[in-house]
Every structure is written in structure tokens, then in C-alpha cells.
Amino acid sequence: MLFPTLEFGLFFVAVFIVAWSLERENGRRKMFLLLASWVFYAQWDWRFVGLLIFSAVLNWGVAVLLSREDMPRKKLLVGLGVAANLLLLGVFKYYGFFVEEAGVLLARLGWERDLPLLEIVLPVGISFFTFQGISYVVDVWRGKTPPARSLLDVMLLMSFFPHLVAGPIVRASDLLPQFERVPRLTRAMATHGMLLIAWGLFKKTVIASELAVNLVDPVFFAPSAHSTWDIAAATYAYAVQIYCDFSAYSDMAIGTAALLGYSFPRNFDQPYRANSLQSFWRRWHISLSSWLRDYLYLPLGGGRGGLWSSSRNVMITMLLGGLWHGAAWTFVAWGALHGAVQVIERVWRHFLEGRASVPHWLGVILTFHVVCLGWILFRAESFPLAMEMLAGLARPGPVEVLTPFLLTLIVGGLAMHWLPPRAVEGLAARLQAAPSLTLGVLVGLAILLVEAVRPEGVAPFIYFQF
């Protein structure tokens, strides 16, 4: 069940009506939202609803034990809880990858063996809800959040349908306190939520879909058949596509949650106007980058210990962050590129800060093109195709795929990053004083306009595969 579909629209209207009819009965309301979330997730594969339930029970149980004063060896217990979450993720997401790589390694050593290769279906959103479970257990252990009052709250924390399959990764400290009180839908929340949904629909169904179908997919499928101009355009187009695709999901997730009375954190903040890779990761997929910082980089030692140890910790974090995105060496290389450039930035600041500086505008251009280089690795199905893309940047030839309309979408998608910060929030603040009928008509017209210009069909969101 995809957000930009009539099926989801009808589902959400039904959830909205029933949820607010249970406004005064918070326990029943949460139970209804949990059941609705399981129905939402079951549209992909009903069998994995059991995995969601198991994961929630596991993390709830570990947190309950950690909260007991007389519980010995809490550090060992939290380690086992984290390991159990990672084992779930590893079995479903990385089993095939590691078995194949082990087979290749054994063959090179002359010890070729038939290893048990199982066909395991990847549950949608498993990376997101396992990371959410890990952060809950660790935060309870650290004393940053109290354990949930009930198993119901933990189940809803990990299964709540707006963020379930592609984030943002909402931490227990943000969401559990909201579950404990009766929600309220203010005019500001409703206006902001509806605008975010409309804006997300436009970014996903018009910009991301058009660029994917008519430019990115054809060029990345057969880069050797295209010239410099089309390959460069496809690279820039993918930068716009993945931003519009993923930020659109985040916008719609935040918007639907707001209409149900809950607040999610912002997940994107104009990332392509960053003037360094470090700044980029403070603006791109903020819930993941902050998760990696708090639960991986800082436990490794963070910036303590000097330049070289902090550089090592950054590199490890980005390599594992790349692997989190997918079981393929292209993702590891993508993470390595981001890590290596951040190490270079640190070395530059350490030795040359105050004596040599890069102008802000030049930093933005350099950072954007490093990110685009990384997107080639991220999008390509294999290393050979990524190398073909890079080789094609020097291949003369005519423009065959790029059209004025697609060029307009690329330029427009990049221009979004130079809109006033918090533009949607600002517009919502201006509109919230308008009469309800006027506001409803405006949002309805915006959605109808999107429907009129969008292409046929809706492709799954890119981050569903992670």
C-alpha cells in the first residue's frame, strides 16, 4: 500500500475517522492504530506481521529487565538485545550476500564448497524498525528514556504505519510520551500536515517519477548506449529523484502523523546546499545520520583521541552506514567514498584552518558533485555498470534522452534547496488563519492538480528496499 494511491487515501480516511472517534479512549485508540498499522504492513506480506510482533516483544522484554534495579549484568543484557536485533536484520537482509561472498572466497582458495543458499524474502522496512528497536533498548539502558508503560506502546512505536517502512526513525523518547497522553489536533498541525502531504505527492509523483521513468532508468540500465550529455543529465536527475522520492515519503509520513495528532522530527533540511560532506549528513536523512552518530560513532570514541582516531571512527561509521543501505559492494563503496571525503575534510581543517579556506559557494559545488559521484555507485546495479557510467562522461555524442521538460524538472528540483528555510512551515503559518472551507478547497485543488499532471502508475519508494 503506497502513500500516493487511492487505496491508501481511502485507508487513511477510515483510520482518521475512527481514530478521532476514539479520542477520549486513548488505550482503545492506540489498539486501533496498532491494528491498522498491521493491516497496512500486511498489504506487502502478511507473514511478516509476526516478525514485527516478535521484534516488539523482544525489545519490550529487554527494556523491562533493564529497568529492574536488581538486574545484574545490564551491559551484557543490552548487548544481547542489540545482537538479537542485528541477527534478525542479518538473516533477512545479508544472509544471501555473505553466503555468496564466502563461496567466492573459498573457490579462490581452492576449497570450493556448496554452501546453503536460501531464498529469503526481505521484509519491507526491516532496517528501520530494527534500528528503532535498538535505539529503544540502548536509551533505556542509558537512562535517556524510561521503559514504556505497556507492551502496546512498544508495539505501536515500532509498527506505527506512517514511519514503518521508510522512516523517519522516530526514537522512543520522541514518540512514547506522545502515546501516553490523549492527542490533540490543532489547526496548526492540520494545516502543516495537509500541506506536507500535498507537497510530498508533487515531489514523488511528478518530479521523481518523471525523472526515473524517462531519464534515470534508461541511462543507468545501458550507460554504454548513451553520450556524455545524457549520462551527466541522468546523474544530476538521480540526485534530484532520490531527494524528491525520499523526502516526499518523509513529508507524507510527518503529515499523516500530524493529522492523527502526533509529531515526527524533520528528516531533510535542503541537503544540496551543504558546503561539506559533514554538513550534508546533518541535512540528509537526519534521523539515520543522528542514529549513526549516537549509537555507532560516539560509542566508538567519537572525536575523542585526536584527529586519527576520530577519522577512523568516521570511516567505520560510514562503511557500516553504506552496508546498512544494502547487501552489495556498491553500497560499501558509496559509504567508503563519503567516509574518505569526510576524513579529508577533517585533515584539511586540522592542518590548514585559518591559513587556507574554501569559499562557501565553491564548497557547495564540490560537495554536490562528490555526492553525485556517490549516487552513481548507489544507483548502479553493479560495479561494471557504475564504471560504464563514469567512462560515459567522456563519450561524445548527441543528446538523445534529455528533453527541455526533464531539464526543467532537474533545475527545479535543485532550486528547491534555495527556497527560504522552512518554507512549508511558513506557508502553513499564513494559511492556518484561513477559514476551514477555504483551506480545504486550496489543498484539494493542489492534490487535483498533481493528479492531473502526474504520469500513470506509482513506482515504489526507493528506500522501501532498505
Protein backbone atom coordinates (compact mmCIF):
# COMPACT_ATOMS: atom_id res chain seq x y z
CA MET A 1 0.00 0.00 0.00
CA LEU A 2 1.74 3.13 -1.26
CA PHE A 3 1.08 6.64 0.04
CA PRO A 4 0.28 8.27 -3.35
CA THR A 5 -2.58 5.88 -4.20
CA LEU A 6 -6.36 5.90 -3.92
CA GLU A 7 -6.12 2.71 -1.85
CA PHE A 8 -4.03 4.44 0.81
CA GLY A 9 -6.24 7.55 0.65
CA LEU A 10 -9.34 5.50 1.49
CA PHE A 11 -7.43 3.60 4.18
CA PHE A 12 -6.23 6.81 5.81
CA VAL A 13 -9.66 8.46 5.73
CA ALA A 14 -11.11 5.43 7.54
CA VAL A 15 -8.26 5.44 10.09
CA PHE A 16 -8.63 9.19 10.63
CA ILE A 17 -12.37 8.98 11.30
CA VAL A 18 -12.18 6.01 13.66
CA ALA A 19 -9.08 7.26 15.50
CA TRP A 20 -10.64 10.63 16.32
CA SER A 21 -13.92 8.98 17.29
CA LEU A 22 -11.85 7.23 20.00
CA GLU A 23 -10.20 10.47 21.08
CA ARG A 24 -11.29 10.13 24.72
CA GLU A 25 -10.32 6.47 24.97
CA ASN A 26 -6.56 6.57 24.43
CA GLY A 27 -5.97 2.88 25.11
CA ARG A 28 -8.54 1.77 22.56
CA ARG A 29 -7.29 4.42 20.15
CA LYS A 30 -3.74 3.05 20.34
CA MET A 31 -5.00 -0.50 19.92
CA PHE A 32 -6.94 0.55 16.83
CA LEU A 33 -3.88 2.34 15.37
CA LEU A 34 -1.77 -0.76 16.01
CA LEU A 35 -4.27 -3.00 14.22
CA ALA A 36 -4.50 -0.51 11.36
CA SER A 37 -0.68 -0.47 11.12
CA TRP A 38 -0.60 -4.26 10.88
CA VAL A 39 -3.23 -4.15 8.13
CA PHE A 40 -1.10 -1.54 6.32
CA TYR A 41 2.04 -3.70 6.61
CA ALA A 42 0.20 -6.89 5.66
CA GLN A 43 -0.50 -5.45 2.22
CA TRP A 44 3.10 -6.32 1.32
CA ASP A 45 3.29 -9.71 3.05
CA TRP A 46 1.02 -10.67 5.96
CA ARG A 47 3.54 -13.25 7.20
CA PHE A 48 5.94 -10.52 8.35
CA VAL A 49 3.41 -9.00 10.73
CA GLY A 50 4.57 -11.79 13.04
CA LEU A 51 8.14 -10.54 12.69
CA LEU A 52 7.01 -7.06 13.74
CA ILE A 53 5.26 -8.50 16.80
CA PHE A 54 8.28 -10.65 17.72
CA SER A 55 10.66 -7.70 17.39
CA ALA A 56 8.46 -5.51 19.60
CA VAL A 57 8.08 -8.21 22.28
CA LEU A 58 11.83 -8.82 22.24
CA ASN A 59 12.72 -5.17 22.77
CA TRP A 60 9.96 -4.61 25.32
CA GLY A 61 11.16 -7.60 27.33
CA VAL A 62 14.80 -6.49 27.29
CA ALA A 63 13.81 -2.95 28.34
CA VAL A 64 11.68 -4.29 31.23
CA LEU A 65 14.62 -6.33 32.52
CA LEU A 66 16.98 -3.36 32.16
CA SER A 67 14.63 -1.19 34.23
CA ARG A 68 14.82 -3.54 37.24
CA GLU A 69 17.17 -2.26 39.92
CA ASP A 70 18.20 -5.78 40.95
CA MET A 71 19.02 -6.89 37.42
CA PRO A 72 22.70 -7.97 37.27
CA ARG A 73 24.98 -7.55 34.25
CA LYS A 74 22.86 -4.97 32.46
CA LYS A 75 25.64 -4.27 29.98
CA LEU A 76 25.62 -7.93 28.91
CA LEU A 77 21.83 -7.87 28.63
CA VAL A 78 21.77 -4.77 26.42
CA GLY A 79 24.50 -6.34 24.30
CA LEU A 80 22.37 -9.45 23.83
CA GLY A 81 19.34 -7.30 22.98
CA VAL A 82 21.27 -5.36 20.33
CA ALA A 83 22.76 -8.61 18.98
CA ALA A 84 19.29 -10.16 18.67
CA ASN A 85 18.07 -7.18 16.64
CA LEU A 86 21.14 -7.31 14.41
CA LEU A 87 20.69 -11.06 13.98
CA LEU A 88 17.17 -10.51 12.65
CA LEU A 89 18.48 -7.88 10.25
CA GLY A 90 21.43 -10.04 9.23
CA VAL A 91 19.42 -13.16 8.49
CA PHE A 92 16.82 -11.45 6.35
CA LYS A 93 18.97 -8.81 4.66
CA TYR A 94 22.54 -10.10 4.47
CA TYR A 95 22.40 -13.91 4.57
CA GLY A 96 22.48 -14.35 0.80
CA PHE A 97 25.18 -11.71 0.33
CA PHE A 98 27.56 -13.23 2.87
CA VAL A 99 26.99 -16.80 1.69
CA GLU A 100 27.73 -15.80 -1.92
CA GLU A 101 30.87 -13.90 -0.91
CA ALA A 102 32.01 -16.81 1.27
CA GLY A 103 31.56 -19.14 -1.69
CA VAL A 104 33.66 -16.89 -3.93
CA LEU A 105 36.40 -16.67 -1.28
CA LEU A 106 36.51 -20.44 -0.75
CA ALA A 107 36.67 -21.02 -4.52
CA ARG A 108 39.67 -18.67 -4.80
CA LEU A 109 41.40 -20.58 -2.01
CA GLY A 110 40.75 -23.90 -3.77
CA TRP A 111 38.22 -25.02 -1.16
CA GLU A 112 35.09 -24.77 -3.27
CA ARG A 113 32.00 -25.93 -1.42
CA ASP A 114 28.25 -25.96 -2.00
CA LEU A 115 27.01 -23.58 0.68
CA PRO A 116 23.34 -23.50 1.77
CA LEU A 117 21.85 -20.60 -0.19
CA LEU A 118 18.25 -19.96 0.91
CA GLU A 119 15.73 -17.77 -0.90
CA ILE A 120 14.82 -15.34 1.89
CA VAL A 121 12.25 -12.62 1.20
CA LEU A 122 13.34 -9.23 2.52
CA PRO A 123 10.67 -7.75 4.82
CA VAL A 124 9.85 -4.17 3.82
CA GLY A 125 11.31 -1.63 6.25
CA ILE A 126 13.24 -4.15 8.37
CA SER A 127 16.26 -1.83 8.59
CA PHE A 128 14.11 0.92 10.00
CA PHE A 129 12.20 -1.00 12.65
CA THR A 130 15.26 -2.93 13.85
CA PHE A 131 17.21 0.32 14.27
CA GLN A 132 14.23 1.70 16.14
CA GLY A 133 14.27 -1.30 18.47
CA ILE A 134 18.00 -0.96 19.08
CA SER A 135 17.72 2.73 19.95
CA TYR A 136 14.86 1.99 22.39
CA VAL A 137 16.82 -0.69 24.26
CA VAL A 138 20.02 1.36 24.39
CA ASP A 139 18.21 4.52 25.53
CA VAL A 140 16.50 2.64 28.36
CA TRP A 141 19.88 1.25 29.42
CA ARG A 142 21.49 4.71 29.27
CA GLY A 143 18.62 6.19 31.27
CA LYS A 144 17.70 8.58 28.46
CA THR A 145 14.15 7.30 28.28
CA PRO A 146 12.06 5.35 30.79
CA PRO A 147 10.71 1.97 29.69
CA ALA A 148 7.29 2.06 28.07
CA ARG A 149 4.35 1.63 30.40
CA SER A 150 2.92 -1.18 28.31
CA LEU A 151 3.78 -3.63 25.56
CA LEU A 152 1.09 -1.92 23.47
CA ASP A 153 3.12 1.30 23.38
CA VAL A 154 6.28 -0.51 22.23
CA MET A 155 4.36 -2.37 19.54
CA LEU A 156 2.84 0.87 18.29
CA LEU A 157 6.23 2.61 18.47
CA MET A 158 7.75 0.06 16.11
CA SER A 159 4.68 -0.58 13.91
CA PHE A 160 3.06 2.87 13.54
CA PHE A 161 2.25 2.93 9.82
CA PRO A 162 3.33 6.47 8.83
CA HIS A 163 7.01 5.76 9.54
CA LEU A 164 7.04 1.96 9.44
CA VAL A 165 8.57 1.15 6.06
CA ALA A 166 10.91 4.07 5.26
CA GLY A 167 11.29 6.23 8.34
CA PRO A 168 11.96 8.68 9.71
CA ILE A 169 13.49 6.65 12.55
CA VAL A 170 11.43 8.10 15.39
CA ARG A 171 13.02 7.48 18.77
CA ALA A 172 11.17 6.26 21.81
CA SER A 173 11.97 9.48 23.68
CA ASP A 174 10.08 11.40 20.98
CA LEU A 175 7.07 9.15 20.47
CA LEU A 176 6.35 7.25 23.70
CA PRO A 177 5.47 10.41 25.68
CA GLN A 178 3.02 11.31 22.91
CA PHE A 179 1.39 7.86 23.14
CA GLU A 180 0.94 8.27 26.89
CA ARG A 181 -1.29 11.33 26.58
CA VAL A 182 -4.52 11.90 24.70
CA PRO A 183 -3.57 13.54 21.37
CA ARG A 184 -4.94 16.85 20.17
CA LEU A 185 -5.27 18.03 16.60
CA THR A 186 -4.58 21.75 16.45
CA ARG A 187 -5.31 23.93 13.46
CA ALA A 188 -1.56 24.46 13.01
CA MET A 189 -0.90 20.69 12.94
CA ALA A 190 -3.73 20.06 10.49
CA THR A 191 -2.64 22.82 8.11
CA HIS A 192 1.01 21.78 8.22
CA GLY A 193 0.11 18.12 7.78
CA MET A 194 -2.09 18.69 4.73
CA LEU A 195 0.49 20.93 3.05
CA LEU A 196 3.25 18.38 3.65
CA ILE A 197 1.12 15.63 2.11
CA ALA A 198 0.34 17.74 -0.96
CA TRP A 199 3.99 18.80 -1.33
CA GLY A 200 5.17 15.22 -0.93
CA LEU A 201 2.70 13.99 -3.55
CA PHE A 202 4.06 16.54 -6.02
CA LYS A 203 7.70 15.66 -5.39
CA LYS A 204 7.11 11.90 -5.64
CA THR A 205 4.53 11.53 -8.39
CA VAL A 206 5.58 14.37 -10.69
CA ILE A 207 9.30 15.10 -10.28
CA ALA A 208 10.73 11.78 -9.03
CA SER A 209 8.54 9.57 -11.23
CA GLU A 210 9.07 11.55 -14.44
CA LEU A 211 12.84 11.65 -13.98
CA ALA A 212 13.03 7.97 -13.06
CA VAL A 213 10.98 6.62 -15.96
CA ASN A 214 12.13 8.91 -18.74
CA LEU A 215 15.78 9.59 -17.90
CA VAL A 216 17.40 7.83 -14.95
CA ASP A 217 16.24 4.26 -15.54
CA PRO A 218 17.03 4.13 -19.30
CA VAL A 219 20.52 5.59 -18.90
CA PHE A 220 21.55 3.57 -15.83
CA PHE A 221 20.22 0.39 -17.49
CA ALA A 222 22.50 0.75 -20.54
CA PRO A 223 25.07 3.54 -19.98
CA SER A 224 27.26 2.36 -22.87
CA ALA A 225 24.47 3.35 -25.27
CA HIS A 226 24.46 6.99 -24.13
CA SER A 227 26.72 10.00 -24.51
CA THR A 228 28.25 12.46 -22.08
CA TRP A 229 25.26 14.77 -22.00
CA ASP A 230 22.67 12.12 -21.26
CA ILE A 231 24.86 10.41 -18.63
CA ALA A 232 25.62 13.71 -16.88
CA ALA A 233 21.92 14.61 -17.04
CA ALA A 234 20.94 11.18 -15.64
CA THR A 235 23.41 11.60 -12.77
CA TYR A 236 22.02 15.01 -11.83
CA ALA A 237 18.49 13.69 -12.38
CA TYR A 238 19.09 10.82 -9.96
CA ALA A 239 20.32 13.30 -7.35
CA VAL A 240 17.00 15.10 -7.73
CA GLN A 241 14.98 11.89 -7.98
CA ILE A 242 16.29 10.29 -4.78
CA TYR A 243 15.89 13.54 -2.86
CA CYS A 244 12.33 14.11 -4.09
CA ASP A 245 11.43 10.44 -3.64
CA PHE A 246 12.75 10.01 -0.11
CA SER A 247 11.94 13.47 1.23
CA ALA A 248 8.43 13.05 -0.21
CA TYR A 249 7.94 9.89 1.83
CA SER A 250 9.20 11.70 4.94
CA ASP A 251 6.91 14.66 4.24
CA MET A 252 3.87 12.43 3.84
CA ALA A 253 4.81 10.38 6.90
CA ILE A 254 5.16 13.53 9.01
CA GLY A 255 1.94 14.92 7.52
CA THR A 256 -0.19 11.82 8.13
CA ALA A 257 1.15 11.51 11.68
CA ALA A 258 0.32 15.18 12.31
CA LEU A 259 -3.28 14.63 11.16
CA LEU A 260 -3.50 11.83 13.72
CA GLY A 261 -2.19 14.15 16.44
CA TYR A 262 1.47 13.05 16.59
CA SER A 263 4.68 14.93 15.85
CA PHE A 264 7.63 13.41 13.95
CA PRO A 265 11.07 15.06 13.64
CA ARG A 266 12.20 16.72 10.43
CA ASN A 267 14.20 14.35 8.20
CA PHE A 268 15.61 16.60 5.45
CA ASP A 269 16.94 20.14 5.51
CA GLN A 270 17.93 21.28 1.99
CA PRO A 271 20.91 18.87 1.78
CA TYR A 272 22.26 20.05 -1.58
CA ARG A 273 23.11 23.46 -0.22
CA ALA A 274 25.65 21.87 2.17
CA ASN A 275 29.24 23.08 1.73
CA SER A 276 30.86 19.93 3.15
CA LEU A 277 30.09 16.23 3.47
CA GLN A 278 29.78 16.66 7.24
CA SER A 279 27.17 19.36 6.67
CA PHE A 280 25.45 17.18 4.05
CA TRP A 281 24.92 14.43 6.63
CA ARG A 282 23.45 16.92 9.06
CA ARG A 283 20.84 17.72 6.40
CA TRP A 284 20.25 14.38 4.61
CA HIS A 285 18.18 11.61 6.25
CA ILE A 286 18.69 13.33 9.60
CA SER A 287 17.09 10.54 11.62
CA LEU A 288 19.59 7.98 10.24
CA SER A 289 22.67 10.21 10.42
CA SER A 290 21.87 11.18 14.03
CA TRP A 291 21.23 7.48 14.82
CA LEU A 292 24.64 6.51 13.39
CA ARG A 293 26.25 9.33 15.38
CA ASP A 294 24.63 8.44 18.71
CA TYR A 295 24.72 4.64 18.55
CA LEU A 296 27.86 3.95 16.49
CA TYR A 297 30.21 6.92 16.05
CA LEU A 298 30.12 8.17 19.66
CA PRO A 299 30.37 4.67 21.24
CA LEU A 300 33.43 4.06 19.03
CA GLY A 301 35.01 7.11 20.65
CA GLY A 302 33.65 9.94 18.50
CA GLY A 303 36.03 12.86 18.27
CA ARG A 304 37.93 11.86 21.39
CA GLY A 305 41.53 10.78 21.00
CA GLY A 306 42.63 13.21 18.32
CA LEU A 307 42.48 13.52 14.55
CA TRP A 308 43.40 10.00 13.53
CA SER A 309 41.10 8.14 15.91
CA SER A 310 38.17 10.40 15.01
CA SER A 311 38.93 9.85 11.31
CA ARG A 312 38.97 6.09 11.88
CA ASN A 313 35.62 6.29 13.67
CA VAL A 314 34.08 8.33 10.84
CA MET A 315 35.32 5.80 8.30
CA ILE A 316 33.91 2.83 10.22
CA THR A 317 30.59 4.61 10.69
CA MET A 318 30.21 5.46 7.01
CA LEU A 319 31.27 1.99 5.85
CA LEU A 320 28.62 0.40 8.09
CA GLY A 321 26.16 3.09 7.05
CA GLY A 322 26.76 2.10 3.43
CA LEU A 323 26.25 -1.58 4.24
CA TRP A 324 23.03 -0.69 6.09
CA HIS A 325 21.63 0.57 2.80
CA GLY A 326 22.07 -2.71 1.00
CA ALA A 327 23.86 -6.04 0.77
CA ALA A 328 26.16 -5.11 -2.12
CA TRP A 329 29.73 -3.87 -2.53
CA THR A 330 28.49 -0.82 -4.39
CA PHE A 331 26.84 0.39 -1.18
CA VAL A 332 30.02 -0.29 0.79
CA ALA A 333 31.98 1.73 -1.79
CA TRP A 334 29.41 4.52 -1.51
CA GLY A 335 29.90 4.60 2.25
CA ALA A 336 33.68 4.47 1.82
CA LEU A 337 33.58 7.47 -0.51
CA HIS A 338 31.56 9.52 1.97
CA GLY A 339 33.82 8.45 4.81
CA ALA A 340 37.04 9.18 2.92
CA VAL A 341 35.93 12.67 1.91
CA GLN A 342 34.90 13.47 5.48
CA VAL A 343 38.36 12.33 6.64
CA ILE A 344 39.95 14.64 4.05
CA GLU A 345 37.78 17.49 5.35
CA ARG A 346 38.92 16.80 8.91
CA VAL A 347 42.58 16.70 7.92
CA TRP A 348 42.14 19.94 5.98
CA ARG A 349 40.54 21.69 8.94
CA HIS A 350 43.15 20.36 11.35
CA PHE A 351 46.22 21.44 9.39
CA LEU A 352 45.03 24.35 7.23
CA GLU A 353 42.15 26.04 9.06
CA GLY A 354 42.92 29.73 9.37
CA ARG A 355 45.57 29.59 6.65
CA ALA A 356 43.52 28.34 3.69
CA SER A 357 39.78 28.25 3.28
CA VAL A 358 37.39 27.23 0.53
CA PRO A 359 34.77 29.84 -0.41
CA HIS A 360 31.28 28.77 0.64
CA TRP A 361 29.95 28.70 -2.95
CA LEU A 362 32.85 26.52 -4.10
CA GLY A 363 32.33 24.18 -1.14
CA VAL A 364 28.67 23.76 -2.15
CA ILE A 365 29.63 22.91 -5.75
CA LEU A 366 32.38 20.46 -4.74
CA THR A 367 30.20 18.77 -2.14
CA PHE A 368 27.29 18.38 -4.54
CA HIS A 369 29.49 16.73 -7.16
CA VAL A 370 31.05 14.36 -4.62
CA VAL A 371 27.51 13.41 -3.60
CA CYS A 372 26.59 12.88 -7.26
CA LEU A 373 29.64 10.66 -7.74
CA GLY A 374 28.40 8.65 -4.78
CA TRP A 375 24.91 8.45 -6.26
CA ILE A 376 26.33 6.68 -9.32
CA LEU A 377 27.61 3.91 -7.03
CA PHE A 378 24.36 3.96 -5.07
CA ARG A 379 22.11 3.63 -8.13
CA ALA A 380 24.16 1.33 -10.37
CA GLU A 381 23.20 -2.35 -10.22
CA SER A 382 26.87 -3.39 -10.25
CA PHE A 383 30.42 -2.06 -10.30
CA PRO A 384 30.78 -2.65 -14.07
CA LEU A 385 27.68 -0.52 -14.73
CA ALA A 386 29.00 2.18 -12.40
CA MET A 387 32.31 2.17 -14.29
CA GLU A 388 30.42 2.40 -17.59
CA MET A 389 28.59 5.46 -16.26
CA LEU A 390 31.88 7.12 -15.32
CA ALA A 391 33.50 6.20 -18.64
CA GLY A 392 30.48 7.56 -20.49
CA LEU A 393 31.07 11.01 -19.03
CA ALA A 394 33.89 11.34 -21.58
CA ARG A 395 31.96 9.85 -24.52
CA PRO A 396 30.96 12.46 -27.14
CA GLY A 397 27.65 12.12 -28.85
CA PRO A 398 24.22 13.67 -29.36
CA VAL A 399 21.62 14.36 -26.71
CA GLU A 400 19.05 11.57 -27.06
CA VAL A 401 17.13 11.23 -23.78
CA LEU A 402 17.28 14.63 -22.12
CA THR A 403 14.35 16.90 -23.05
CA PRO A 404 13.58 20.52 -22.13
CA PHE A 405 10.86 19.29 -19.76
CA LEU A 406 13.21 16.88 -17.95
CA LEU A 407 15.86 19.61 -17.75
CA THR A 408 13.26 21.88 -16.16
CA LEU A 409 12.48 19.22 -13.56
CA ILE A 410 16.19 18.82 -12.73
CA VAL A 411 16.72 22.56 -12.38
CA GLY A 412 13.50 22.93 -10.38
CA GLY A 413 14.40 20.03 -8.10
CA LEU A 414 17.77 21.62 -7.30
CA ALA A 415 16.24 25.09 -6.93
CA MET A 416 14.09 23.76 -4.05
CA HIS A 417 17.22 23.80 -1.93
CA TRP A 418 17.42 27.58 -2.20
CA LEU A 419 13.85 28.27 -1.16
CA PRO A 420 13.52 30.04 2.20
CA PRO A 421 14.26 27.56 5.01
CA ARG A 422 11.10 26.01 6.49
CA ALA A 423 9.06 27.31 3.51
CA VAL A 424 6.23 24.81 4.04
CA GLU A 425 6.03 25.69 7.72
CA GLY A 426 5.93 29.38 6.83
CA LEU A 427 3.13 28.85 4.32
CA ALA A 428 1.21 26.76 6.85
CA ALA A 429 1.50 29.55 9.42
CA ARG A 430 0.00 32.00 6.93
CA LEU A 431 -2.84 29.68 5.90
CA GLN A 432 -3.90 28.41 9.31
CA ALA A 433 -5.94 31.56 9.91
CA ALA A 434 -7.95 30.96 6.72
CA PRO A 435 -11.48 29.54 7.01
CA SER A 436 -11.60 25.76 7.07
CA LEU A 437 -13.57 25.61 3.83
CA THR A 438 -11.03 27.82 2.05
CA LEU A 439 -8.13 25.75 3.32
CA GLY A 440 -9.81 22.51 2.30
CA VAL A 441 -10.54 23.82 -1.20
CA LEU A 442 -6.92 25.00 -1.66
CA VAL A 443 -5.41 21.69 -0.57
CA GLY A 444 -7.96 19.77 -2.63
CA LEU A 445 -7.16 21.83 -5.73
CA ALA A 446 -3.43 21.26 -5.17
CA ILE A 447 -3.95 17.49 -4.99
CA LEU A 448 -6.19 17.54 -8.09
CA LEU A 449 -3.52 19.49 -9.96
CA VAL A 450 -0.90 16.93 -9.01
CA GLU A 451 -3.23 14.15 -10.17
CA ALA A 452 -3.72 15.93 -13.49
CA VAL A 453 -0.01 16.25 -14.32
CA ARG A 454 1.41 13.06 -12.77
CA PRO A 455 2.30 10.09 -15.01
CA GLU A 456 0.40 6.80 -14.94
CA GLY A 457 1.12 4.44 -12.06
CA VAL A 458 3.21 4.85 -8.93
CA ALA A 459 6.66 3.28 -8.50
CA PRO A 460 7.63 2.06 -5.00
CA PHE A 461 9.68 4.48 -2.95
CA ILE A 462 13.43 3.95 -3.36
CA TYR A 463 14.03 3.41 0.35
CA PHE A 464 11.48 0.58 0.56
CA GLN A 465 14.32 -1.77 -0.45
CA PHE A 466 16.30 -0.88 2.66
